[in-house]
Protein backbone atom coordinates (compact mmCIF):
# COMPACT_ATOMS: atom_id res chain seq x y z
CA MET A 1 0.00 0.00 0.00
CA ARG A 2 2.86 2.35 0.75
CA VAL A 3 4.34 1.74 -2.69
CA LEU A 4 0.97 2.31 -4.36
CA ALA A 5 0.34 5.47 -2.35
CA SER A 6 3.77 6.95 -3.02
CA GLY A 7 3.67 6.08 -6.72
CA GLU A 8 7.37 5.30 -6.64
CA TRP A 9 6.73 2.29 -8.87
CA VAL A 10 5.41 4.59 -11.66
CA THR A 11 8.72 5.56 -13.21
CA ARG A 12 9.11 7.21 -16.59
CA GLU A 13 10.92 4.17 -18.00
CA ARG A 14 8.26 1.76 -16.77
CA VAL A 15 5.43 3.91 -18.08
CA LEU A 16 7.11 4.18 -21.48
CA ARG A 17 7.57 0.40 -21.66
CA ILE A 18 3.93 -0.19 -20.75
CA ALA A 19 2.79 2.31 -23.38
CA LEU A 20 4.97 0.83 -26.12
CA ILE A 21 3.75 -2.69 -25.36
CA ALA A 22 0.17 -1.40 -25.48
CA CYS A 23 0.89 0.25 -28.85
CA GLY A 24 2.13 -3.06 -30.24
CA ILE A 25 -0.88 -4.99 -28.96
CA SER A 26 -3.28 -2.37 -30.32
CA ALA A 27 -1.62 -2.36 -33.74
CA CYS A 28 -1.73 -6.16 -33.94
CA SER A 29 -5.39 -6.21 -32.86
CA ILE A 30 -6.43 -3.73 -35.53
CA ALA A 31 -4.37 -5.48 -38.21
CA TRP A 32 -5.93 -8.83 -37.27
CA LEU A 33 -9.43 -7.30 -37.36
CA PHE A 34 -8.93 -6.09 -40.95
CA ALA A 35 -7.09 -9.24 -42.04
CA THR A 36 -9.98 -11.48 -40.95
CA ALA A 37 -12.71 -9.20 -42.36
CA HIS A 38 -14.94 -10.02 -45.32
CA GLY A 39 -15.87 -6.91 -47.24
CA THR A 40 -17.25 -4.37 -44.76
CA LEU A 41 -17.89 -6.97 -42.02
CA ASP A 42 -15.50 -8.44 -39.47
CA PHE A 43 -15.14 -12.14 -38.69
CA LYS A 44 -18.19 -11.99 -36.36
CA GLY A 45 -20.40 -10.38 -38.99
CA ARG A 46 -20.25 -6.92 -37.41
CA PRO A 47 -19.51 -3.81 -39.47
CA LEU A 48 -15.87 -2.78 -39.37
CA GLY A 49 -15.79 0.26 -37.12
CA THR A 50 -19.28 -0.75 -35.83
CA ASP A 51 -20.65 2.74 -35.04
CA PHE A 52 -19.09 4.19 -38.19
CA SER A 53 -21.79 2.25 -40.02
CA ASN A 54 -24.39 4.86 -39.05
CA VAL A 55 -22.08 7.74 -40.02
CA TRP A 56 -21.36 6.45 -43.54
CA THR A 57 -24.98 5.40 -44.03
CA ALA A 58 -26.32 8.82 -43.01
CA GLY A 59 -23.84 10.50 -45.32
CA HIS A 60 -24.82 8.20 -48.18
CA MET A 61 -28.50 9.00 -47.61
CA ALA A 62 -27.71 12.72 -47.65
CA LEU A 63 -25.82 12.37 -50.95
CA ASP A 64 -28.75 10.36 -52.28
CA HIS A 65 -31.11 13.30 -51.53
CA HIS A 66 -32.72 11.55 -48.54
CA ALA A 67 -30.96 13.43 -45.74
CA ALA A 68 -34.03 13.82 -43.51
CA ARG A 69 -34.72 10.07 -43.64
CA ALA A 70 -31.39 9.38 -41.89
CA TRP A 71 -33.22 9.90 -38.57
CA SER A 72 -35.88 7.33 -39.52
CA TRP A 73 -34.70 4.11 -37.91
CA PRO A 74 -36.38 1.72 -40.41
CA ASP A 75 -35.09 3.68 -43.43
CA HIS A 76 -31.60 3.99 -41.96
CA PHE A 77 -31.47 0.28 -41.13
CA ALA A 78 -32.54 -0.70 -44.63
CA VAL A 79 -29.67 1.30 -46.14
CA GLN A 80 -27.23 -0.24 -43.62
CA GLN A 81 -28.32 -3.73 -44.61
CA ALA A 82 -27.83 -2.90 -48.28
CA LEU A 83 -24.42 -1.40 -47.56
CA HIS A 84 -23.15 -4.48 -45.73
CA ARG A 85 -25.10 -6.92 -47.93
CA SER A 86 -26.34 -8.72 -44.85
CA PRO A 87 -29.89 -8.84 -43.42
CA GLN A 88 -28.44 -10.05 -40.10
CA VAL A 89 -26.20 -7.02 -39.52
CA ASP A 90 -26.85 -5.12 -36.27
CA PHE A 91 -28.62 -1.76 -36.39
CA PHE A 92 -26.57 1.31 -35.46
CA GLY A 93 -28.86 4.31 -35.15
CA TRP A 94 -28.11 7.87 -36.24
CA HIS A 95 -28.86 10.26 -33.37
CA TYR A 96 -26.59 13.22 -34.13
CA PRO A 97 -27.64 16.81 -34.86
CA PRO A 98 -27.53 17.81 -38.56
CA PRO A 99 -24.08 19.53 -38.39
CA PHE A 100 -22.41 16.11 -38.14
CA LEU A 101 -24.13 15.24 -41.42
CA LEU A 102 -21.68 17.61 -43.11
CA ILE A 103 -18.77 15.33 -42.18
CA ALA A 104 -20.79 12.16 -42.81
CA ALA A 105 -21.68 13.25 -46.35
CA LEU A 106 -18.04 14.09 -47.09
CA LEU A 107 -16.91 10.66 -45.88
CA ALA A 108 -19.63 8.91 -47.86
CA THR A 109 -18.08 10.14 -51.11
CA LEU A 110 -15.53 7.36 -50.52
CA PRO A 111 -16.09 3.60 -50.27
CA TYR A 112 -16.85 2.40 -46.73
CA VAL A 113 -13.49 0.94 -45.66
CA PRO A 114 -11.27 3.75 -47.05
CA ALA A 115 -13.65 6.28 -45.48
CA LEU A 116 -13.33 4.52 -42.13
CA VAL A 117 -9.52 4.54 -42.28
CA ILE A 118 -9.35 8.20 -43.32
CA TRP A 119 -11.89 9.19 -40.66
CA GLN A 120 -9.97 7.55 -37.83
CA ALA A 121 -6.49 8.57 -39.03
CA GLY A 122 -7.68 12.08 -39.83
CA THR A 123 -8.99 12.64 -36.29
CA LEU A 124 -6.42 10.64 -34.31
CA ALA A 125 -3.42 12.42 -35.90
CA PRO A 126 -4.42 15.99 -34.88
CA PHE A 127 -5.53 14.74 -31.48
CA ALA A 128 -2.11 13.14 -30.93
CA ALA A 129 -0.46 16.37 -32.12
CA MET A 130 -2.53 18.29 -29.57
CA MET A 131 -1.40 15.90 -26.82
CA TRP A 132 2.22 16.43 -27.91
CA ARG A 133 1.70 20.19 -27.73
CA LEU A 134 0.26 19.72 -24.25
CA SER A 135 3.30 17.74 -23.07
CA PRO A 136 6.13 17.46 -25.64
CA ARG A 137 7.74 14.29 -24.30
CA ARG A 138 8.39 10.93 -25.91
CA GLU A 139 6.06 9.06 -23.56
CA THR A 140 3.17 11.39 -24.38
CA ILE A 141 2.73 10.03 -27.90
CA ALA A 142 3.23 6.45 -26.72
CA LEU A 143 0.65 6.88 -23.96
CA THR A 144 -1.79 8.50 -26.41
CA LEU A 145 -1.49 5.91 -29.17
CA GLY A 146 -1.23 2.98 -26.77
CA ALA A 147 -4.08 4.02 -24.48
CA PRO A 148 -6.78 1.34 -24.22
CA VAL A 149 -9.41 3.98 -24.94
CA THR A 150 -7.62 4.80 -28.20
CA VAL A 151 -7.93 1.29 -29.58
CA ILE A 152 -11.53 1.08 -28.31
CA CYS A 153 -12.36 4.28 -30.18
CA LEU A 154 -10.59 3.03 -33.31
CA MET A 155 -12.40 -0.31 -33.31
CA HIS A 156 -15.74 1.45 -32.89
CA GLY A 157 -14.97 3.92 -35.68
CA HIS A 158 -16.13 6.61 -33.34
CA ASN A 159 -15.74 10.38 -33.04
CA GLY A 160 -14.05 10.44 -29.64
CA PHE A 161 -10.84 11.88 -31.09
CA LEU A 162 -12.70 14.75 -32.73
CA THR A 163 -14.65 15.56 -29.57
CA ALA A 164 -11.54 15.46 -27.40
CA LEU A 165 -9.64 17.57 -29.95
CA LEU A 166 -12.31 20.30 -30.04
CA LEU A 167 -12.61 20.42 -26.25
CA GLY A 168 -8.92 19.99 -25.42
CA ALA A 169 -7.56 22.39 -28.04
CA GLY A 170 -10.23 24.93 -27.10
CA LEU A 171 -9.13 24.79 -23.48
CA MET A 172 -5.45 25.10 -24.44
CA LEU A 173 -6.17 28.23 -26.51
CA LEU A 174 -8.78 29.80 -24.23
CA ASP A 175 -6.50 32.23 -22.41
CA GLN A 176 -4.32 33.35 -25.32
CA ARG A 177 -6.59 32.85 -28.36
CA PRO A 178 -10.17 33.07 -27.04
CA SER A 179 -11.72 33.63 -30.47
CA ILE A 180 -10.20 30.41 -31.84
CA ALA A 181 -11.12 28.59 -28.64
CA GLY A 182 -14.71 29.75 -28.99
CA PHE A 183 -14.78 28.57 -32.60
CA LEU A 184 -13.73 25.08 -31.47
CA PHE A 185 -16.23 25.04 -28.61
CA GLY A 186 -19.02 26.06 -30.97
CA ALA A 187 -18.23 23.11 -33.23
CA LEU A 188 -19.20 20.81 -30.34
CA ILE A 189 -22.77 21.43 -31.44
CA TYR A 190 -22.31 18.21 -33.42
CA LYS A 191 -22.20 16.34 -30.07
CA PRO A 192 -23.81 18.85 -27.69
CA GLN A 193 -23.93 16.70 -24.54
CA PHE A 194 -20.22 17.37 -24.08
CA GLY A 195 -20.65 21.11 -24.38
CA LEU A 196 -22.96 21.51 -21.38
CA ILE A 197 -20.11 22.69 -19.20
CA ILE A 198 -18.76 25.27 -21.67
CA PRO A 199 -21.27 28.13 -21.04
CA PRO A 200 -20.64 28.15 -17.24
CA LEU A 201 -16.89 28.14 -17.92
CA LEU A 202 -16.94 31.02 -20.41
CA PHE A 203 -19.33 33.18 -18.40
CA ALA A 204 -17.35 32.61 -15.19
CA LEU A 205 -14.16 33.63 -17.02
CA ARG A 206 -16.02 36.54 -18.63
CA SER A 207 -14.44 35.49 -21.89
CA TRP A 208 -16.92 37.37 -24.07
CA CYS A 209 -14.78 37.01 -27.17
CA ALA A 210 -14.95 33.23 -26.82
CA VAL A 211 -18.71 33.40 -26.19
CA VAL A 212 -19.31 35.41 -29.37
CA SER A 213 -17.01 33.15 -31.37
CA ALA A 214 -18.72 30.00 -30.08
CA ILE A 215 -22.16 31.36 -30.98
CA ALA A 216 -20.90 32.35 -34.42
CA SER A 217 -19.31 28.95 -34.99
CA ALA A 218 -22.41 26.99 -33.94
CA SER A 219 -24.68 29.31 -35.91
CA THR A 220 -22.56 28.92 -39.05
CA LEU A 221 -22.85 25.14 -38.88
CA VAL A 222 -26.60 25.36 -38.39
CA ILE A 223 -26.97 27.76 -41.32
CA LEU A 224 -24.87 25.50 -43.56
CA THR A 225 -27.17 22.56 -42.89
CA LEU A 226 -30.21 24.72 -43.60
CA VAL A 227 -28.74 25.98 -46.86
CA ILE A 228 -27.76 22.51 -48.05
CA TRP A 229 -30.68 20.38 -46.80
CA GLY A 230 -33.28 22.84 -45.54
CA TRP A 231 -35.50 22.69 -42.46
CA PRO A 232 -36.58 19.02 -42.97
CA VAL A 233 -33.31 17.69 -41.50
CA TRP A 234 -33.77 19.72 -38.33
CA GLN A 235 -37.42 18.73 -38.14
CA ALA A 236 -36.47 15.06 -38.50
CA PHE A 237 -33.77 15.39 -35.83
CA ILE A 238 -36.11 17.15 -33.37
CA GLU A 239 -38.88 14.62 -33.94
CA SER A 240 -36.43 11.74 -33.33
CA LEU A 241 -35.34 13.04 -29.92
CA PRO A 242 -38.21 11.56 -27.80
CA LEU A 243 -37.63 8.07 -29.24
CA THR A 244 -33.87 8.36 -28.79
CA ARG A 245 -34.28 9.55 -25.22
CA HIS A 246 -36.73 6.79 -24.35
CA ILE A 247 -34.98 3.84 -26.02
CA VAL A 248 -31.29 4.73 -25.87
CA ILE A 249 -31.02 6.74 -22.66
CA GLU A 250 -33.94 5.80 -20.42
CA GLN A 251 -34.25 2.12 -21.34
CA GLY A 252 -30.50 1.68 -21.86
CA ALA A 253 -30.76 -0.19 -25.17
CA THR A 254 -27.03 0.41 -25.57
CA GLY A 255 -26.39 -1.48 -22.32
CA TRP A 256 -25.97 0.13 -18.90
CA TYR A 257 -22.53 -1.46 -18.55
CA LYS A 258 -21.34 0.48 -21.61
CA ILE A 259 -22.53 3.86 -20.34
CA MET A 260 -20.25 5.64 -17.85
CA SER A 261 -22.62 8.29 -16.46
CA PRO A 262 -24.18 8.74 -13.00
CA PHE A 263 -27.58 8.28 -14.68
CA ALA A 264 -26.58 4.89 -16.09
CA VAL A 265 -25.09 3.73 -12.79
CA ALA A 266 -28.31 4.59 -10.96
CA ARG A 267 -30.29 2.60 -13.54
CA MET A 268 -27.81 -0.30 -13.51
CA TRP A 269 -28.22 -0.53 -9.74
CA GLY A 270 -32.00 -0.77 -10.09
CA GLY A 271 -32.92 2.86 -9.52
CA ALA A 272 -36.17 4.24 -10.87
CA LEU A 273 -36.12 6.62 -13.80
CA SER A 274 -36.95 9.62 -11.62
CA LEU A 275 -34.15 8.72 -9.21
CA ALA A 276 -31.66 8.37 -12.06
CA TYR A 277 -32.58 11.78 -13.42
CA GLY A 278 -32.27 13.24 -9.93
CA VAL A 279 -28.82 11.71 -9.44
CA GLN A 280 -27.68 12.99 -12.82
CA ALA A 281 -29.03 16.47 -12.07
CA ILE A 282 -27.00 16.57 -8.84
CA PHE A 283 -23.81 15.51 -10.62
CA THR A 284 -24.40 17.95 -13.49
CA ALA A 285 -25.04 20.84 -11.10
CA ALA A 286 -21.98 19.91 -9.03
CA SER A 287 -19.83 19.73 -12.18
CA ALA A 288 -20.98 23.18 -13.28
CA SER A 289 -20.35 24.55 -9.78
CA VAL A 290 -16.77 23.31 -9.58
CA VAL A 291 -16.06 24.62 -13.09
CA ILE A 292 -17.38 28.05 -12.11
CA TRP A 293 -15.26 27.96 -8.94
CA ALA A 294 -12.17 26.87 -10.87
CA ALA A 295 -12.66 29.67 -13.41
CA SER A 296 -13.27 32.32 -10.75
CA THR A 297 -10.12 31.44 -8.80
CA LYS A 298 -7.99 32.13 -11.90
CA GLN A 299 -5.45 29.49 -10.92
CA ARG A 300 -3.18 27.36 -13.05
CA PRO A 301 -4.83 26.74 -16.46
CA GLU A 302 -3.57 23.14 -16.50
CA LEU A 303 -5.65 22.21 -13.46
CA ARG A 304 -8.66 24.16 -14.65
CA ASN A 305 -8.52 22.40 -18.00
CA ALA A 306 -8.19 18.96 -16.41
CA LEU A 307 -11.18 19.71 -14.22
CA VAL A 308 -13.28 20.90 -17.19
CA CYS A 309 -12.56 17.73 -19.18
CA ALA A 310 -13.65 15.53 -16.26
CA ALA A 311 -16.69 17.74 -15.60
CA ALA A 312 -17.73 17.51 -19.26
CA LEU A 313 -17.89 13.73 -18.92
CA ILE A 314 -19.75 13.74 -15.60
CA SER A 315 -22.31 16.35 -16.65
CA THR A 316 -24.00 14.24 -19.36
CA PRO A 317 -26.24 11.19 -18.87
CA TYR A 318 -24.93 9.58 -22.05
CA VAL A 319 -21.20 8.92 -22.21
CA LEU A 320 -19.71 5.63 -23.40
CA ASP A 321 -16.28 4.14 -22.83
CA TYR A 322 -14.90 5.38 -26.17
CA ASP A 323 -15.85 8.93 -25.14
CA LEU A 324 -13.27 8.62 -22.34
CA VAL A 325 -10.73 9.81 -24.92
CA ILE A 326 -11.72 13.19 -23.42
CA LEU A 327 -10.12 12.04 -20.16
CA LEU A 328 -6.66 11.65 -21.75
CA PRO A 329 -5.96 15.43 -21.86
CA ALA A 330 -7.18 15.70 -18.26
CA LEU A 331 -4.73 13.00 -17.15
CA ALA A 332 -1.95 14.67 -19.13
CA TRP A 333 -2.59 18.09 -17.54
CA LEU A 334 -2.54 16.50 -14.09
CA TRP A 335 0.70 14.71 -15.02
CA VAL A 336 2.27 17.99 -16.15
CA ASP A 337 1.27 19.79 -12.96
CA GLY A 338 2.61 16.90 -10.91
CA ARG A 339 5.98 17.04 -12.64
CA GLU A 340 6.24 20.76 -11.95
CA ARG A 341 4.90 20.91 -8.39
CA GLY A 342 5.31 17.38 -7.08
CA TYR A 343 2.83 14.53 -6.84
CA LEU A 344 0.44 13.99 -3.96
CA ASN A 345 -0.22 10.59 -2.41
CA TRP A 346 -1.93 8.12 -4.75
CA GLU A 347 -1.83 10.47 -7.74
CA LYS A 348 0.65 8.55 -9.88
CA THR A 349 -1.16 5.28 -9.27
CA LEU A 350 -4.58 6.82 -9.94
CA LEU A 351 -3.37 8.52 -13.12
CA LEU A 352 -2.08 5.24 -14.54
CA ALA A 353 -5.24 3.46 -13.37
CA GLY A 354 -7.37 6.06 -15.17
CA TRP A 355 -5.36 5.47 -18.34
CA PHE A 356 -5.87 1.69 -18.06
CA THR A 357 -9.51 1.59 -16.85
CA PRO A 358 -11.34 1.73 -20.24
CA LEU A 359 -9.82 -1.65 -21.09
CA ILE A 360 -11.85 -3.38 -18.37
CA ALA A 361 -14.65 -0.92 -17.57
CA ARG A 362 -17.31 -2.66 -19.68
CA THR A 363 -16.48 -6.17 -18.51
CA VAL A 364 -16.31 -5.25 -14.84
CA ALA A 365 -19.58 -3.30 -14.99
CA GLN A 366 -21.32 -6.14 -16.83
CA THR A 367 -20.18 -8.83 -14.41
CA THR A 368 -20.06 -6.99 -11.08
CA ALA A 369 -22.05 -3.73 -11.63
CA LEU A 370 -19.00 -1.78 -10.43
CA PRO A 371 -18.74 1.50 -12.41
CA LEU A 372 -14.99 1.77 -12.86
CA GLY A 373 -15.41 4.14 -15.79
CA LEU A 374 -17.33 6.70 -13.75
CA ALA A 375 -14.94 6.17 -10.83
CA SER A 376 -11.96 7.07 -13.03
CA ILE A 377 -13.67 10.29 -14.15
CA ILE A 378 -14.52 11.27 -10.56
CA ALA A 379 -10.96 10.46 -9.48
CA ALA A 380 -9.54 12.82 -12.12
CA LEU A 381 -11.95 15.55 -11.03
CA ALA A 382 -11.04 15.01 -7.38
CA MET A 383 -7.31 15.15 -8.12
CA ALA A 384 -7.73 18.44 -9.97
CA LEU A 385 -9.82 19.89 -7.13
CA ARG A 386 -7.34 18.76 -4.48
CA ARG A 387 -4.40 20.29 -6.31
CA MET A 388 -6.33 23.52 -6.90
CA ALA A 389 -7.16 23.75 -3.20
CA LEU A 390 -3.47 23.39 -2.32
CA HIS A 391 -2.51 25.95 -4.96
CA ALA A 392 -5.06 28.36 -3.51
CA ARG A 393 -3.40 28.03 -0.10
CA SER A 394 0.10 28.03 -1.64
CA ASP A 395 0.61 24.85 0.34
CA PHE A 396 2.64 22.59 -1.90
CA SER A 397 5.11 21.99 0.88
CA GLU A 398 6.72 18.65 1.62
CA SER A 399 4.25 18.06 4.45
CA ALA A 400 1.30 18.73 2.14
CA LEU A 401 2.68 16.38 -0.47
CA ALA A 402 3.08 13.68 2.17
CA ARG A 403 -0.48 14.16 3.38
């Protein structure tokens, strides 16, 4: 316990070795997945990139002049079955706001598999570059590419890298380039549940330039969709929301063990719907409160940014394990602050545990109902808060570090 608490076992050399081994395993896993695939389906008959199936399909429907029908589950499923040439293929629903259709339509101009590869490489590369900019050290890239959540996101063909890039880069630029930061934040309209924490942050910072830029960015994306596809796509999206909320969020059709939110944990543990909403409301309000406090104290940006990333994950009722890519910048900012100011008890161990947790979060939740994914998010938030409290008291003495 003393070794775990002190973190003395988490050396730079050991961390780098772990990350490089993880990179090798991830690369082999992805290569094997493609090598054993048949057309657009893997060896189990699932679409390569699973969730990318709904992205390419929605884009194809938009190019085929049926954009509004992408939110119709039967119509969308029929196109998916035709794409994969299999009536037994699983259904992956399209629930995104119309701005994401802009990217989906662009990707659908390519065949499915090349589009998947370009989509994942084209979002992972700038995200990795952002992580390097955050901490320009050799282990940073290894930890980013070898992170379990990275290979999970790649295998799901998901947009976690894009979301983490928009949020992380926006936070990095917020103090020096608020207009660019606001532009990035506004683009989160494509996945708005992770932007809930942005308005409290910007208003607490009184970053009016970023507020205006975010509004302009989001408005531009909305206008583009209206110009290209008209009001019907927005009408279809709005009309699909009650069904999506009922089936995907409230009934947990995705699987409670896959969802890492307080809402999902309450439901997984047998809580009623009203209780789950109440629990989520408490966590969302608490997340907004700590973000406002962090912004008002005007402390070290690294800690504020780590806290915002964790709060963005806690504040939404719908966050899956591949969305934990957003936690990687938070862990990196905490790591940077620890290198500069010294690590507190348990921090090194918890940081490495947070990096590793997505690998087992689903399995553990499914078999034991223990929400390790949510626990890792809360741990990152708690570490940021604890360090900010010590910074506020200027108490990073040896005695404080020992405590």
